[in-house]
Amino acid sequence: MADMAAFRAAVAAWAAGAPGDDAARTIAAGPPIRTTVLLEGPSDVAAVEALATSRGRDLPGDGICVLAMGGAMSVGRFARFLGPNGLGLHLTGLCDERERDFYVRGWAGAGADDRDFFVCRADLEDELIRALGVDRVTELIAAEGDLRALETFLQQPAQRTRPAPQQLRRFLGTKKGRKIHYGRVLAAALTPDRVPAPLAGLFAVL
């Protein structure tokens, strides 16, 4: 099994400006990493890893590394470094609709197949909320001990006119770490018939 923690650390060092790419290249070569999943942030990583666990998938064991880039505008740089024209890895990933063009250009610059990234309508949280439904998401929030916080949030004047899915999506971003936590919780709660299309597409190519 490839050392995914070491590979992520090497990629993070490269992204931060460390000279050369020898560490990442050596780790990727053996035992081989074959695929990198490029995601915007850690909440997306949490969701993808939780869905993999619920499906009984061992992504590291399959040579698949899930990476957060720290923003979609970095995708071109990461794709060129990691993809077919760089370390030679297969690229896949998720993006938001408003970020599609960044991914199109990034995949083209990396020599990668642009059929292998998948687009969320607003973002992954939006996809998860719509897939599960407002009632189920509210049940999960209650089970995690956050129902009172949600009720307080919904009393804010700015929230009263928003549709319930948008209220829940905004609630998930109101506290540091909450999006990461609920990315994991919501993805783990998906039944096979409720997996959003972008996630289903992603797992179909992994």
Foldseek 3Di string as FASTA:
>chain_A
DQDQVQLQVLVVCVLVPDPDSVSNLVSCVPPHQAEEAEEADLLLVLLLVLLCVLVVHDQVVVNYHYDHPNGLLCLLVVLQCVDCVHSRHAYAYEDEPVSLVSLVVSCVNNVYDSLRYFYDDGDVLLLLCVLCDLVRVLVLCVVVVCNVVLVVQCPDPVNVPDPSSVSVVVSQVPDPPSSNVVSNVSSNPDDPVRRGPRSVSNVVVD
